[in-house]
Protein backbone atom coordinates (compact mmCIF):
# COMPACT_ATOMS: atom_id res chain seq x y z
CA UNK A 1 -5.67 -12.55 0.08
CA UNK A 2 -9.39 -12.64 -0.70
CA UNK A 3 -9.59 -16.31 0.29
CA UNK A 4 -7.79 -15.62 3.57
CA UNK A 5 -10.18 -12.79 4.40
CA UNK A 6 -13.19 -14.97 3.58
CA UNK A 7 -11.83 -17.77 5.76
CA UNK A 8 -11.15 -15.33 8.54
CA UNK A 9 -14.69 -13.92 8.28
CA UNK A 10 -16.36 -17.38 8.62
CA UNK A 11 -13.91 -19.01 10.98
CA UNK A 12 -16.30 -18.94 14.02
CA UNK A 13 -19.47 -20.11 12.34
CA UNK A 14 -18.76 -23.76 13.02
CA UNK A 15 -18.65 -23.07 16.78
CA UNK A 16 -22.21 -21.70 16.73
CA UNK A 17 -23.37 -24.66 14.68
CA UNK A 18 -21.67 -27.08 17.06
CA UNK A 19 -23.24 -25.40 20.11
CA UNK A 20 -26.67 -25.70 18.49
CA UNK A 21 -26.00 -29.35 17.76
CA UNK A 22 -24.93 -30.06 21.37
CA UNK A 23 -28.01 -28.27 22.70
CA UNK A 24 -30.27 -30.27 20.40
CA UNK A 25 -28.62 -33.51 21.51
CA UNK A 26 -29.08 -32.55 25.14
CA UNK A 27 -32.75 -31.77 24.55
CA UNK A 28 -33.18 -35.09 22.73
CA UNK A 29 -31.52 -36.92 25.61
CA UNK A 30 -33.84 -35.23 28.13
CA UNK A 31 -36.93 -36.07 26.09
CA UNK A 32 -35.89 -39.72 25.74
CA UNK A 33 -35.07 -39.94 29.45
CA UNK A 34 -38.36 -38.39 30.55
CA UNK A 35 -40.31 -40.57 28.13
CA UNK A 36 -38.80 -43.64 29.76
CA UNK A 37 -40.06 -42.64 33.23
CA UNK A 38 -43.33 -43.69 34.83
CA UNK A 39 -46.64 -41.83 34.63
CA UNK A 40 -46.10 -39.79 37.81
CA UNK A 41 -42.92 -38.22 36.49
CA UNK A 42 -44.55 -37.45 33.15
CA UNK A 43 -47.45 -35.69 34.88
CA UNK A 44 -45.15 -33.76 37.22
CA UNK A 45 -42.94 -32.65 34.32
CA UNK A 46 -45.96 -31.58 32.31
CA UNK A 47 -47.30 -29.55 35.21
CA UNK A 48 -43.94 -27.92 35.73
CA UNK A 49 -43.65 -26.69 32.16
CA UNK A 50 -47.25 -25.50 32.18
CA UNK A 51 -46.76 -23.45 35.35
CA UNK A 52 -43.16 -23.61 36.59
CA UNK A 53 -43.77 -21.33 39.62
CA UNK A 54 -46.73 -23.18 41.10
CA UNK A 55 -46.22 -26.81 40.12
CA UNK A 56 -43.05 -28.07 41.80
CA UNK A 57 -42.21 -31.74 41.39
CA UNK A 58 -43.26 -33.98 44.23
CA UNK A 59 -40.79 -36.04 46.21
CA UNK A 60 -42.92 -39.09 45.44
CA UNK A 61 -42.15 -38.70 41.73
CA UNK A 62 -38.53 -39.77 42.28
CA UNK A 63 -37.14 -36.89 40.22
CA UNK A 64 -35.52 -35.00 43.06
CA UNK A 65 -35.51 -35.62 46.81
CA UNK A 66 -37.28 -32.94 48.79
CA UNK A 67 -38.39 -32.10 52.28
CA UNK A 68 -42.05 -31.99 51.39
CA UNK A 69 -42.89 -34.59 54.05
CA UNK A 70 -41.20 -32.55 56.75
CA UNK A 71 -42.83 -29.41 55.38
CA UNK A 72 -46.22 -31.03 55.66
CA UNK A 73 -45.49 -32.08 59.21
CA UNK A 74 -44.33 -28.57 60.12
CA UNK A 75 -47.32 -26.87 58.48
CA UNK A 76 -49.90 -27.71 61.17
CA UNK A 77 -47.36 -26.85 63.87
CA UNK A 78 -46.92 -23.40 62.39
CA UNK A 79 -50.68 -22.95 62.15
CA UNK A 80 -51.07 -24.04 65.76
CA UNK A 81 -48.40 -21.59 66.85
CA UNK A 82 -50.16 -18.79 65.01
CA UNK A 83 -53.49 -19.69 66.61
CA UNK A 84 -51.86 -19.87 70.04
CA UNK A 85 -50.28 -16.45 69.52
CA UNK A 86 -53.62 -15.04 68.36
CA UNK A 87 -55.37 -16.49 71.42
CA UNK A 88 -52.75 -15.03 73.73
CA UNK A 89 -53.17 -11.58 72.19
CA UNK A 90 -56.94 -11.88 72.43
CA UNK A 91 -56.77 -12.89 76.10
CA UNK A 92 -54.45 -9.95 76.80
CA UNK A 93 -56.92 -7.64 75.07
CA UNK A 94 -59.89 -8.96 77.07
CA UNK A 95 -57.99 -8.77 80.36
CA UNK A 96 -57.10 -5.19 79.53
CA UNK A 97 -60.75 -4.34 78.86
CA UNK A 98 -61.79 -5.94 82.16
CA UNK A 99 -59.09 -4.10 84.09
CA UNK A 100 -60.07 -0.78 82.52
CA UNK A 101 -63.72 -1.35 83.40
CA UNK A 102 -62.86 -2.04 87.04
CA UNK A 103 -60.80 1.16 87.11
CA UNK A 104 -63.61 3.16 85.54
CA UNK A 105 -66.00 2.00 88.27
CA UNK A 106 -63.26 2.55 90.89
CA UNK A 107 -63.53 -1.00 92.13
CA UNK A 108 -60.89 -3.24 93.66
CA UNK A 109 -60.71 -6.49 91.71
CA UNK A 110 -59.62 -8.49 94.75
CA UNK A 111 -62.26 -7.51 97.31
CA UNK A 112 -64.76 -10.06 98.59
CA UNK A 113 -68.48 -9.64 97.93
CA UNK A 114 -67.62 -7.36 95.03
CA UNK A 115 -70.63 -5.69 93.38
CA UNK A 116 -69.40 -6.74 89.91
CA UNK A 117 -67.45 -9.80 88.83
CA UNK A 118 -65.78 -10.08 85.43
CA UNK A 119 -64.56 -13.37 83.97
CA UNK A 120 -62.53 -13.77 80.78
CA UNK A 121 -63.98 -16.67 78.79
CA UNK A 122 -63.14 -18.38 75.51
CA UNK A 123 -65.74 -16.20 73.76
CA UNK A 124 -65.15 -12.87 75.47
CA UNK A 125 -66.16 -11.43 78.84
CA UNK A 126 -68.83 -12.47 81.31
CA UNK A 127 -69.98 -9.72 83.69
CA UNK A 128 -72.08 -10.50 86.73
CA UNK A 129 -73.72 -7.45 88.30
CA UNK A 130 -74.92 -8.35 91.79
CA UNK A 131 -77.93 -6.70 93.39
CA UNK A 132 -76.63 -6.70 96.97
CA UNK A 133 -78.27 -4.89 99.87
CA UNK A 134 -74.98 -3.11 100.58
CA UNK A 135 -74.78 -1.75 97.01
CA UNK A 136 -78.10 -2.38 95.26
CA UNK A 137 -78.45 -2.16 91.49
CA UNK A 138 -82.25 -2.06 91.55
CA UNK A 139 -84.73 -0.28 93.76
CA UNK A 140 -86.25 -2.94 96.00
CA UNK A 141 -87.84 -5.83 94.16
CA UNK A 142 -88.36 -3.81 90.99
CA UNK A 143 -86.66 -3.39 87.62
CA UNK A 144 -85.84 0.28 88.28
CA UNK A 145 -82.12 1.07 88.48
CA UNK A 146 -80.61 2.80 91.47
CA UNK A 147 -78.13 5.62 90.91
CA UNK A 148 -75.32 3.05 91.20
CA UNK A 149 -77.08 0.76 88.72
CA UNK A 150 -77.39 3.56 86.16
CA UNK A 151 -73.72 4.42 86.64
CA UNK A 152 -72.72 0.82 85.96
CA UNK A 153 -74.92 0.49 82.87
CA UNK A 154 -73.77 3.81 81.45
CA UNK A 155 -70.08 2.92 81.63
CA UNK A 156 -70.74 -0.61 80.46
CA UNK A 157 -72.60 0.69 77.42
CA UNK A 158 -69.59 2.76 76.38
CA UNK A 159 -67.31 -0.26 76.75
CA UNK A 160 -69.63 -2.38 74.60
CA UNK A 161 -69.95 0.35 71.97
CA UNK A 162 -66.21 1.06 71.84
CA UNK A 163 -65.25 -2.56 71.19
CA UNK A 164 -68.44 -3.64 69.37
CA UNK A 165 -69.13 -6.57 71.66
CA UNK A 166 -72.18 -8.69 71.00
CA UNK A 167 -74.32 -8.96 74.12
CA UNK A 168 -76.59 -11.52 75.79
CA UNK A 169 -78.33 -10.55 79.03
CA UNK A 170 -79.69 -12.93 81.65
CA UNK A 171 -81.71 -11.99 84.73
CA UNK A 172 -81.66 -14.09 87.91
CA UNK A 173 -83.28 -14.00 91.35
CA UNK A 174 -82.82 -15.87 94.59
CA UNK A 175 -85.22 -18.55 95.74
CA UNK A 176 -88.13 -17.78 98.05
CA UNK A 177 -88.18 -14.13 97.00
CA UNK A 178 -91.20 -12.41 98.51
CA UNK A 179 -92.90 -10.31 95.85
CA UNK A 180 -96.21 -10.06 97.67
CA UNK A 181 -99.59 -11.31 96.52
CA UNK A 182 -100.48 -11.32 92.84
CA UNK A 183 -99.27 -12.85 89.62
CA UNK A 184 -95.95 -11.01 89.46
CA UNK A 185 -93.37 -13.75 90.07
CA UNK A 186 -89.56 -14.09 89.96
CA UNK A 187 -89.96 -15.06 86.30
CA UNK A 188 -91.40 -11.65 85.43
CA UNK A 189 -88.93 -9.83 87.69
CA UNK A 190 -85.84 -11.52 86.24
CA UNK A 191 -87.05 -10.92 82.68
CA UNK A 192 -87.94 -7.28 83.44
CA UNK A 193 -84.52 -6.63 84.96
CA UNK A 194 -82.74 -8.17 81.96
CA UNK A 195 -84.86 -6.00 79.66
CA UNK A 196 -84.13 -2.94 81.79
CA UNK A 197 -80.42 -3.62 81.27
CA UNK A 198 -80.99 -3.91 77.52
CA UNK A 199 -82.88 -0.61 77.40
CA UNK A 200 -80.17 1.13 79.42
CA UNK A 201 -77.38 -0.08 77.13
CA UNK A 202 -79.26 1.02 74.03
CA UNK A 203 -80.22 4.35 75.62
CA UNK A 204 -76.64 5.31 76.44
CA UNK A 205 -74.64 4.08 73.45
CA UNK A 206 -75.15 0.51 72.21
CA UNK A 207 -76.46 -0.32 68.75
CA UNK A 208 -79.61 -2.46 69.25
CA UNK A 209 -78.27 -4.85 66.60
CA UNK A 210 -75.51 -5.87 69.05
CA UNK A 211 -78.03 -7.33 71.51
CA UNK A 212 -78.38 -11.04 70.75
CA UNK A 213 -80.64 -12.33 73.53
CA UNK A 214 -82.47 -11.22 76.68
CA UNK A 215 -83.66 -13.93 79.09
CA UNK A 216 -85.15 -14.21 82.57
CA UNK A 217 -84.33 -17.37 84.55
CA UNK A 218 -85.99 -16.56 87.89
CA UNK A 219 -84.32 -18.71 90.60
CA UNK A 220 -83.58 -21.73 88.39
CA UNK A 221 -79.83 -21.06 88.02
CA UNK A 222 -78.25 -20.18 91.38
CA UNK A 223 -74.59 -19.22 91.62
CA UNK A 224 -72.40 -22.30 91.86
CA UNK A 225 -71.49 -23.05 95.44
CA UNK A 226 -74.19 -20.78 96.90
CA UNK A 227 -77.49 -21.77 98.42
CA UNK A 228 -80.56 -20.94 96.29
CA UNK A 229 -81.66 -18.35 98.89
CA UNK A 230 -78.27 -16.53 98.93
CA UNK A 231 -78.23 -12.82 98.16
CA UNK A 232 -75.60 -13.32 95.45
CA UNK A 233 -78.27 -14.99 93.28
CA UNK A 234 -79.90 -11.58 92.85
CA UNK A 235 -78.01 -10.60 89.71
CA UNK A 236 -77.93 -9.92 86.01
CA UNK A 237 -75.22 -11.45 83.83
CA UNK A 238 -74.01 -9.98 80.57
CA UNK A 239 -71.95 -12.06 78.17
CA UNK A 240 -69.85 -9.94 75.82
CA UNK A 241 -68.42 -11.66 72.76
CA UNK A 242 -66.26 -10.25 70.02
CA UNK A 243 -68.09 -10.24 66.71
CA UNK A 244 -64.80 -9.95 64.79
CA UNK A 245 -61.81 -11.14 66.71
CA UNK A 246 -58.81 -8.82 66.51
CA UNK A 247 -55.55 -10.08 65.04
CA UNK A 248 -53.75 -8.15 67.74
CA UNK A 249 -54.78 -6.54 71.01
CA UNK A 250 -56.70 -3.37 70.36
CA UNK A 251 -55.17 -0.33 72.02
CA UNK A 252 -57.03 0.34 75.20
CA UNK A 253 -58.19 3.82 75.97
CA UNK A 254 -58.07 5.40 79.36
CA UNK A 255 -61.37 6.83 80.57
CA UNK A 256 -60.13 10.35 79.93
CA UNK A 257 -59.49 9.62 76.21
CA UNK A 258 -62.48 7.45 75.37
CA UNK A 259 -65.06 8.48 72.80
CA UNK A 260 -67.53 9.20 75.59
CA UNK A 261 -66.45 10.42 79.04
CA UNK A 262 -67.19 8.10 81.94
CA UNK A 263 -70.01 9.00 84.24
CA UNK A 264 -69.02 10.25 87.65
CA UNK A 265 -69.38 7.80 90.47
CA UNK A 266 -72.56 8.17 92.49
C-alpha cells in the first residue's frame, strides 16, 4: 500500500520534467536557427530582446514580411493631410477675423473704392487703409488722424491685441504730391504716417513688442494696376502675422463680447 501511495504521489513529476525538456529543446533550436542567419537578422533579434516594444524587426531582415514600405509611403501623405487641414483651419480663422473687422467698421466688403481692403495671405492678413478724399484717414497732407482714422486704428488695435498678431507698417504716397516749399518730402510724410499708425496702435491696446517694422516708401511702390498719381496710392498698409499659429480656428468674438468694446463710428 505504501508503494502504491508513493507511486501515486510522484506519478505526474515526469510530465513536468518532459515539458521542461521540450522547452529547452525548442530554445536550443531557436538559438541554433538564429545563429545560422545573417548579420542583419542577428542585429534585429538583439534589438528586439533589448527593447521589444520599440525595436520591431525590419522587413529587410527576412524574418517576417511587413508593410513597412507601404507605411513609409503613407507617412508623408498623412503629414501632408495634417498640414493641409491645419492650413484650412488657419485660413478659416483669418477670414473670420477679416469679416469681423469689416462688420466692426460697418463696411461692405464688396463695395468699390472701399476705404479699407483686407487680404488673407500665407502669413496672415494684409490691411490697406486708403486716405481717400471721400473718407480721409489723415488731415490734409499731414500725419494727424481724422476722426475716421482714429476710429479705424482704435478697432484695429483691439483686433491685433486680441489675437496677438505681429505687425509691420508701411506708409505710401502718390507721385507728384504737392507738399509746398521746404525739405519736407513724401519720404518724411510716408514715414510719419506709418509712425503715427504705430503710436495709435500702442496707445489703444497693442504691446510695443508686437511691432516688427515701420517703414516709409514715399511714392516708390504704387498700387498694382494704378497710375503713380492715383489717389489710391495714398495709403498705409499693415501686415498682421500670427506669431504662434493656432492648431484650430480660434473662436471669434462678436464686438459686443470682446475684451474691449468697439469705438462708435464717427
